[in-house]
Amino acid sequence: MSNLGDYQKMTTVAKKVGGPKELTTIVLTVGFVGGLAVRTLSSTVGPKVKSKLGRKLKRSVRTKGAPVAFGQVFVVTSDGGEGGAVLHVGDRYQVLEYDGDAILIAVVGDPLSPYFVSRAFLCSVSDFPHGGNGANP
């Protein structure tokens, strides 16, 4: 059993391109050109992606005519727990994202956050507005 597998592959490739100096030149050139391409793409495409993500994150959720902005802080008015989240009176949380009835919240000061909970749960334990049609928060 040989422990020279990678070395043998490297020497075979070096022979095919004309020797170790040529292989080193190829590797450095490809790395340099690849780095320039990544740098160019990140400076041209990056701001566009950041702008689109920013707009998407700033959207708001409709709840019976009243918009609830992502990141808005709500206050817990009664104790309760669901999905690993245990909320007590006075706790505060932010809405991070939602998917159907599941809402991702971050409890302020809870190192185990975030948690997925239902809209019905949030409505029952806090000042979270009740949903209109039940599809979204």
N, C-alpha and C. Protein backbone atom coordinates (compact mmCIF):
# COMPACT_ATOMS: atom_id res chain seq x y z
N MET A 1 0.85 -1.18 0.00
CA MET A 1 0.00 0.00 0.00
C MET A 1 0.89 1.24 0.00
N SER A 2 0.62 2.16 -0.91
CA SER A 2 1.48 3.32 -1.10
C SER A 2 0.89 4.56 -0.42
N ASN A 3 1.75 5.36 0.17
CA ASN A 3 1.31 6.63 0.73
C ASN A 3 1.74 7.80 -0.16
N LEU A 4 2.05 7.50 -1.40
CA LEU A 4 2.54 8.52 -2.33
C LEU A 4 1.49 8.92 -3.37
N GLY A 5 0.22 8.62 -3.12
CA GLY A 5 -0.84 8.85 -4.10
C GLY A 5 -0.89 10.27 -4.62
N ASP A 6 -0.97 11.25 -3.73
CA ASP A 6 -1.06 12.65 -4.15
C ASP A 6 0.23 13.11 -4.84
N TYR A 7 1.36 12.66 -4.33
CA TYR A 7 2.64 13.02 -4.94
C TYR A 7 2.73 12.48 -6.36
N GLN A 8 2.29 11.24 -6.54
CA GLN A 8 2.32 10.64 -7.88
C GLN A 8 1.42 11.41 -8.84
N LYS A 9 0.24 11.82 -8.37
CA LYS A 9 -0.67 12.59 -9.22
C LYS A 9 -0.04 13.92 -9.61
N MET A 10 0.59 14.58 -8.64
CA MET A 10 1.18 15.88 -8.90
C MET A 10 2.34 15.75 -9.89
N THR A 11 3.16 14.75 -9.74
CA THR A 11 4.28 14.59 -10.67
C THR A 11 3.79 14.22 -12.06
N THR A 12 2.71 13.45 -12.16
CA THR A 12 2.14 13.11 -13.46
C THR A 12 1.63 14.36 -14.16
N VAL A 13 0.92 15.22 -13.42
CA VAL A 13 0.41 16.47 -14.00
C VAL A 13 1.57 17.38 -14.40
N ALA A 14 2.59 17.45 -13.57
CA ALA A 14 3.75 18.30 -13.87
C ALA A 14 4.44 17.83 -15.15
N LYS A 15 4.56 16.52 -15.35
CA LYS A 15 5.17 16.00 -16.57
C LYS A 15 4.34 16.38 -17.79
N LYS A 16 2.99 16.33 -17.64
CA LYS A 16 2.12 16.62 -18.78
C LYS A 16 2.21 18.08 -19.22
N VAL A 17 2.48 19.01 -18.28
CA VAL A 17 2.54 20.43 -18.64
C VAL A 17 3.97 20.92 -18.87
N GLY A 18 4.95 20.04 -18.75
CA GLY A 18 6.32 20.43 -19.09
C GLY A 18 7.25 20.58 -17.90
N GLY A 19 6.83 20.26 -16.70
CA GLY A 19 7.71 20.31 -15.55
C GLY A 19 7.13 21.10 -14.39
N PRO A 20 7.81 21.09 -13.24
CA PRO A 20 7.28 21.75 -12.05
C PRO A 20 7.22 23.27 -12.15
N LYS A 21 8.16 23.88 -12.88
CA LYS A 21 8.12 25.34 -13.03
C LYS A 21 6.89 25.77 -13.83
N GLU A 22 6.60 25.04 -14.89
CA GLU A 22 5.43 25.36 -15.70
C GLU A 22 4.14 25.14 -14.90
N LEU A 23 4.10 24.06 -14.12
CA LEU A 23 2.92 23.79 -13.29
C LEU A 23 2.71 24.91 -12.28
N THR A 24 3.79 25.37 -11.65
CA THR A 24 3.70 26.47 -10.69
C THR A 24 3.19 27.74 -11.37
N THR A 25 3.70 28.02 -12.56
CA THR A 25 3.26 29.20 -13.31
C THR A 25 1.76 29.11 -13.63
N ILE A 26 1.31 27.96 -14.05
CA ILE A 26 -0.11 27.77 -14.37
C ILE A 26 -0.97 27.98 -13.13
N VAL A 27 -0.57 27.38 -12.02
CA VAL A 27 -1.35 27.50 -10.78
C VAL A 27 -1.43 28.95 -10.33
N LEU A 28 -0.32 29.66 -10.35
CA LEU A 28 -0.31 31.07 -9.94
C LEU A 28 -1.14 31.94 -10.88
N THR A 29 -1.05 31.70 -12.19
CA THR A 29 -1.82 32.48 -13.16
C THR A 29 -3.32 32.26 -12.99
N VAL A 30 -3.71 31.00 -12.86
CA VAL A 30 -5.13 30.70 -12.68
C VAL A 30 -5.64 31.32 -11.37
N GLY A 31 -4.84 31.25 -10.32
CA GLY A 31 -5.24 31.87 -9.04
C GLY A 31 -5.39 33.37 -9.15
N PHE A 32 -4.44 34.01 -9.84
CA PHE A 32 -4.49 35.46 -10.01
C PHE A 32 -5.71 35.88 -10.83
N VAL A 33 -5.92 35.22 -11.96
CA VAL A 33 -7.05 35.55 -12.83
C VAL A 33 -8.37 35.26 -12.10
N GLY A 34 -8.44 34.15 -11.38
CA GLY A 34 -9.65 33.83 -10.61
C GLY A 34 -9.91 34.87 -9.54
N GLY A 35 -8.87 35.32 -8.88
CA GLY A 35 -9.02 36.36 -7.86
C GLY A 35 -9.52 37.67 -8.45
N LEU A 36 -9.00 38.04 -9.60
CA LEU A 36 -9.48 39.25 -10.27
C LEU A 36 -10.95 39.12 -10.66
N ALA A 37 -11.33 37.95 -11.13
CA ALA A 37 -12.72 37.74 -11.53
C ALA A 37 -13.66 37.85 -10.33
N VAL A 38 -13.28 37.25 -9.23
CA VAL A 38 -14.10 37.33 -8.02
C VAL A 38 -14.19 38.76 -7.53
N ARG A 39 -13.09 39.45 -7.54
CA ARG A 39 -13.07 40.85 -7.09
C ARG A 39 -13.95 41.72 -7.97
N THR A 40 -13.87 41.54 -9.28
CA THR A 40 -14.68 42.31 -10.22
C THR A 40 -16.16 42.00 -10.03
N LEU A 41 -16.49 40.72 -9.93
CA LEU A 41 -17.89 40.35 -9.74
C LEU A 41 -18.45 40.87 -8.43
N SER A 42 -17.66 40.79 -7.38
CA SER A 42 -18.17 41.24 -6.08
C SER A 42 -18.38 42.75 -6.06
N SER A 43 -17.57 43.50 -6.80
CA SER A 43 -17.74 44.95 -6.80
C SER A 43 -18.87 45.40 -7.72
N THR A 44 -19.21 44.59 -8.73
CA THR A 44 -20.30 44.98 -9.64
C THR A 44 -21.62 44.32 -9.27
N VAL A 45 -21.59 43.04 -8.94
CA VAL A 45 -22.82 42.31 -8.64
C VAL A 45 -23.19 42.45 -7.16
N GLY A 46 -22.19 42.56 -6.30
CA GLY A 46 -22.43 42.63 -4.86
C GLY A 46 -23.42 43.70 -4.43
N PRO A 47 -23.24 44.96 -4.85
CA PRO A 47 -24.20 46.00 -4.45
C PRO A 47 -25.62 45.73 -4.92
N LYS A 48 -25.75 45.14 -6.12
CA LYS A 48 -27.09 44.83 -6.62
C LYS A 48 -27.76 43.77 -5.75
N VAL A 49 -27.01 42.74 -5.40
CA VAL A 49 -27.56 41.67 -4.56
C VAL A 49 -27.91 42.23 -3.18
N LYS A 50 -27.02 43.05 -2.63
CA LYS A 50 -27.27 43.64 -1.32
C LYS A 50 -28.51 44.52 -1.35
N SER A 51 -28.68 45.28 -2.42
CA SER A 51 -29.85 46.14 -2.55
C SER A 51 -31.14 45.33 -2.62
N LYS A 52 -31.13 44.25 -3.41
CA LYS A 52 -32.32 43.42 -3.53
C LYS A 52 -32.64 42.72 -2.21
N LEU A 53 -31.62 42.22 -1.52
CA LEU A 53 -31.84 41.58 -0.23
C LEU A 53 -32.38 42.58 0.78
N GLY A 54 -31.84 43.78 0.76
CA GLY A 54 -32.30 44.82 1.68
C GLY A 54 -33.76 45.14 1.48
N ARG A 55 -34.18 45.26 0.22
CA ARG A 55 -35.59 45.53 -0.06
C ARG A 55 -36.46 44.38 0.38
N LYS A 56 -35.99 43.17 0.18
CA LYS A 56 -36.78 41.99 0.56
C LYS A 56 -36.92 41.91 2.08
N LEU A 57 -35.86 42.22 2.80
CA LEU A 57 -35.91 42.15 4.26
C LEU A 57 -36.75 43.27 4.85
N LYS A 58 -36.89 44.39 4.14
CA LYS A 58 -37.65 45.52 4.66
C LYS A 58 -39.15 45.41 4.38
N ARG A 59 -39.55 44.34 3.67
CA ARG A 59 -40.97 44.20 3.39
C ARG A 59 -41.71 44.04 4.71
N SER A 60 -42.99 44.25 4.68
CA SER A 60 -43.76 44.11 5.91
C SER A 60 -44.84 43.07 5.74
N VAL A 61 -45.30 42.56 6.85
CA VAL A 61 -46.33 41.53 6.87
C VAL A 61 -47.66 42.23 7.11
N ARG A 62 -48.68 41.83 6.37
CA ARG A 62 -50.01 42.41 6.55
C ARG A 62 -50.77 41.64 7.63
N THR A 63 -51.28 42.35 8.61
CA THR A 63 -52.10 41.74 9.64
C THR A 63 -53.33 42.59 9.83
N LYS A 64 -54.42 42.21 9.21
CA LYS A 64 -55.69 42.90 9.36
C LYS A 64 -55.54 44.39 9.09
N GLY A 65 -54.86 44.73 7.99
CA GLY A 65 -54.72 46.12 7.60
C GLY A 65 -53.57 46.85 8.26
N ALA A 66 -53.01 46.32 9.33
CA ALA A 66 -51.91 47.00 10.03
C ALA A 66 -50.60 46.31 9.67
N PRO A 67 -49.63 47.04 9.11
CA PRO A 67 -48.37 46.40 8.75
C PRO A 67 -47.53 46.10 9.99
N VAL A 68 -46.91 44.93 9.98
CA VAL A 68 -45.97 44.56 11.04
C VAL A 68 -44.62 44.43 10.37
N ALA A 69 -43.71 45.32 10.66
CA ALA A 69 -42.39 45.30 10.03
C ALA A 69 -41.54 44.23 10.67
N PHE A 70 -40.75 43.53 9.83
CA PHE A 70 -39.82 42.56 10.38
C PHE A 70 -38.86 43.31 11.29
N GLY A 71 -38.58 42.74 12.45
CA GLY A 71 -37.72 43.39 13.41
C GLY A 71 -38.47 44.22 14.43
N GLN A 72 -39.77 44.43 14.21
CA GLN A 72 -40.57 45.18 15.18
C GLN A 72 -40.61 44.41 16.50
N VAL A 73 -40.52 45.11 17.61
CA VAL A 73 -40.48 44.47 18.93
C VAL A 73 -41.88 44.41 19.52
N PHE A 74 -42.25 43.22 20.00
CA PHE A 74 -43.54 43.00 20.66
C PHE A 74 -43.29 42.61 22.11
N VAL A 75 -44.26 42.89 22.97
CA VAL A 75 -44.13 42.63 24.41
C VAL A 75 -45.07 41.49 24.79
N VAL A 76 -44.56 40.56 25.59
CA VAL A 76 -45.33 39.42 26.05
C VAL A 76 -46.22 39.88 27.21
N THR A 77 -47.52 39.53 27.13
CA THR A 77 -48.49 39.95 28.14
C THR A 77 -48.95 38.81 29.04
N SER A 78 -48.67 37.55 28.65
CA SER A 78 -48.99 36.41 29.53
C SER A 78 -47.99 35.29 29.27
N ASP A 79 -47.76 34.48 30.28
CA ASP A 79 -46.79 33.39 30.17
C ASP A 79 -47.28 32.32 29.21
N GLY A 80 -46.33 31.68 28.53
CA GLY A 80 -46.67 30.58 27.63
C GLY A 80 -45.42 30.03 26.97
N GLY A 81 -45.59 28.87 26.35
CA GLY A 81 -44.47 28.25 25.67
C GLY A 81 -44.92 27.44 24.48
N GLU A 82 -44.08 27.43 23.45
CA GLU A 82 -44.34 26.65 22.24
C GLU A 82 -43.06 26.55 21.44
N GLY A 83 -42.82 25.38 20.85
CA GLY A 83 -41.67 25.19 19.96
C GLY A 83 -40.33 25.46 20.62
N GLY A 84 -40.21 25.20 21.90
CA GLY A 84 -38.95 25.45 22.61
C GLY A 84 -38.86 26.83 23.21
N ALA A 85 -39.71 27.74 22.77
CA ALA A 85 -39.70 29.10 23.31
C ALA A 85 -40.57 29.14 24.56
N VAL A 86 -40.03 29.67 25.63
CA VAL A 86 -40.79 29.89 26.86
C VAL A 86 -40.79 31.39 27.10
N LEU A 87 -41.98 31.98 27.00
CA LEU A 87 -42.11 33.43 27.13
C LEU A 87 -42.78 33.77 28.45
N HIS A 88 -42.29 34.81 29.09
CA HIS A 88 -42.83 35.28 30.36
C HIS A 88 -43.30 36.73 30.20
N VAL A 89 -44.20 37.13 31.05
CA VAL A 89 -44.72 38.50 31.01
C VAL A 89 -43.55 39.48 31.05
N GLY A 90 -43.56 40.42 30.13
CA GLY A 90 -42.52 41.44 30.06
C GLY A 90 -41.41 41.12 29.07
N ASP A 91 -41.31 39.85 28.64
CA ASP A 91 -40.32 39.51 27.62
C ASP A 91 -40.63 40.25 26.33
N ARG A 92 -39.60 40.47 25.53
CA ARG A 92 -39.78 41.13 24.24
C ARG A 92 -39.22 40.22 23.15
N TYR A 93 -39.83 40.26 21.96
CA TYR A 93 -39.34 39.47 20.84
C TYR A 93 -39.52 40.24 19.54
N GLN A 94 -38.77 39.81 18.52
CA GLN A 94 -38.83 40.41 17.18
C GLN A 94 -39.22 39.34 16.18
N VAL A 95 -39.98 39.73 15.17
CA VAL A 95 -40.33 38.83 14.08
C VAL A 95 -39.18 38.88 13.06
N LEU A 96 -38.58 37.71 12.79
CA LEU A 96 -37.48 37.65 11.83
C LEU A 96 -37.96 37.21 10.45
N GLU A 97 -38.87 36.24 10.41
CA GLU A 97 -39.35 35.69 9.14
C GLU A 97 -40.60 34.87 9.43
N TYR A 98 -41.33 34.53 8.37
CA TYR A 98 -42.49 33.67 8.53
C TYR A 98 -42.66 32.80 7.31
N ASP A 99 -43.33 31.69 7.49
CA ASP A 99 -43.69 30.79 6.39
C ASP A 99 -45.04 30.20 6.73
N GLY A 100 -46.08 30.71 6.10
CA GLY A 100 -47.42 30.26 6.43
C GLY A 100 -47.76 30.68 7.85
N ASP A 101 -48.12 29.69 8.69
CA ASP A 101 -48.47 29.97 10.08
C ASP A 101 -47.24 29.97 10.99
N ALA A 102 -46.12 29.47 10.53
CA ALA A 102 -44.89 29.42 11.33
C ALA A 102 -44.18 30.76 11.26
N ILE A 103 -43.85 31.29 12.44
CA ILE A 103 -43.18 32.59 12.52
C ILE A 103 -41.87 32.40 13.28
N LEU A 104 -40.79 32.90 12.72
CA LEU A 104 -39.49 32.83 13.36
C LEU A 104 -39.31 34.09 14.20
N ILE A 105 -39.12 33.91 15.51
CA ILE A 105 -38.95 35.06 16.40
C ILE A 105 -37.61 34.96 17.12
N ALA A 106 -37.08 36.11 17.48
CA ALA A 106 -35.88 36.20 18.30
C ALA A 106 -36.29 36.86 19.61
N VAL A 107 -36.15 36.13 20.70
CA VAL A 107 -36.49 36.67 22.01
C VAL A 107 -35.31 37.49 22.49
N VAL A 108 -35.56 38.74 22.84
CA VAL A 108 -34.50 39.66 23.26
C VAL A 108 -33.86 39.13 24.55
N GLY A 109 -32.55 38.95 24.53
CA GLY A 109 -31.81 38.49 25.69
C GLY A 109 -31.76 36.99 25.86
N ASP A 110 -32.36 36.22 24.95
CA ASP A 110 -32.35 34.76 25.05
C ASP A 110 -31.26 34.22 24.13
N PRO A 111 -30.20 33.62 24.70
CA PRO A 111 -29.10 33.14 23.87
C PRO A 111 -29.49 31.93 23.01
N LEU A 112 -30.60 31.26 23.32
CA LEU A 112 -31.03 30.11 22.54
C LEU A 112 -31.94 30.49 21.37
N SER A 113 -32.27 31.76 21.25
CA SER A 113 -33.12 32.24 20.15
C SER A 113 -32.39 32.02 18.85
N PRO A 114 -33.09 31.89 17.76
CA PRO A 114 -34.50 32.12 17.46
C PRO A 114 -35.33 30.85 17.60
N TYR A 115 -36.66 31.04 17.59
CA TYR A 115 -37.62 29.94 17.69
C TYR A 115 -38.69 30.09 16.62
N PHE A 116 -39.22 28.94 16.16
CA PHE A 116 -40.40 28.94 15.31
C PHE A 116 -41.61 28.72 16.18
N VAL A 117 -42.58 29.60 16.09
CA VAL A 117 -43.84 29.48 16.83
C VAL A 117 -44.99 29.81 15.89
N SER A 118 -46.21 29.53 16.32
CA SER A 118 -47.36 29.82 15.48
C SER A 118 -47.88 31.23 15.73
N ARG A 119 -48.59 31.76 14.74
CA ARG A 119 -49.20 33.08 14.88
C ARG A 119 -50.23 33.06 15.99
N ALA A 120 -50.99 31.98 16.09
CA ALA A 120 -52.01 31.88 17.14
C ALA A 120 -51.38 31.97 18.53
N PHE A 121 -50.22 31.32 18.70
CA PHE A 121 -49.53 31.38 19.98
C PHE A 121 -49.11 32.82 20.30
N LEU A 122 -48.51 33.50 19.30
CA LEU A 122 -48.07 34.88 19.55
C LEU A 122 -49.24 35.79 19.88
N CYS A 123 -50.36 35.60 19.20
CA CYS A 123 -51.55 36.41 19.49
C CYS A 123 -52.07 36.15 20.90
N SER A 124 -51.91 34.91 21.38
CA SER A 124 -52.46 34.57 22.70
C SER A 124 -51.59 35.05 23.86
N VAL A 125 -50.29 35.25 23.63
CA VAL A 125 -49.41 35.61 24.75
C VAL A 125 -48.83 37.02 24.65
N SER A 126 -49.13 37.76 23.57
CA SER A 126 -48.49 39.07 23.43
C SER A 126 -49.40 40.05 22.70
N ASP A 127 -48.82 41.21 22.42
CA ASP A 127 -49.55 42.25 21.69
C ASP A 127 -49.40 42.11 20.19
N PHE A 128 -49.05 40.90 19.71
CA PHE A 128 -48.94 40.64 18.28
C PHE A 128 -50.32 40.74 17.66
N PRO A 129 -50.48 41.51 16.57
CA PRO A 129 -51.81 41.69 15.97
C PRO A 129 -52.36 40.39 15.38
N HIS A 130 -53.66 40.21 15.49
CA HIS A 130 -54.31 39.03 14.94
C HIS A 130 -54.30 39.11 13.43
N GLY A 131 -54.12 37.97 12.76
CA GLY A 131 -54.08 37.92 11.30
C GLY A 131 -55.47 38.03 10.72
N GLY A 132 -55.55 38.50 9.49
CA GLY A 132 -56.82 38.67 8.81
C GLY A 132 -57.37 37.37 8.26
N ASN A 133 -56.65 36.76 7.28
CA ASN A 133 -57.17 35.60 6.61
C ASN A 133 -56.57 34.28 7.11
N GLY A 134 -55.63 34.34 8.03
CA GLY A 134 -55.03 33.14 8.59
C GLY A 134 -53.83 32.62 7.79
N ALA A 135 -53.59 33.14 6.60
CA ALA A 135 -52.49 32.63 5.79
C ALA A 135 -51.14 33.20 6.23
N ASN A 136 -51.10 34.47 6.53
CA ASN A 136 -49.85 35.14 6.92
C ASN A 136 -50.08 35.84 8.25
N PRO A 137 -48.99 36.16 8.93
CA PRO A 137 -49.13 36.86 10.21
C PRO A 137 -49.82 38.19 10.05
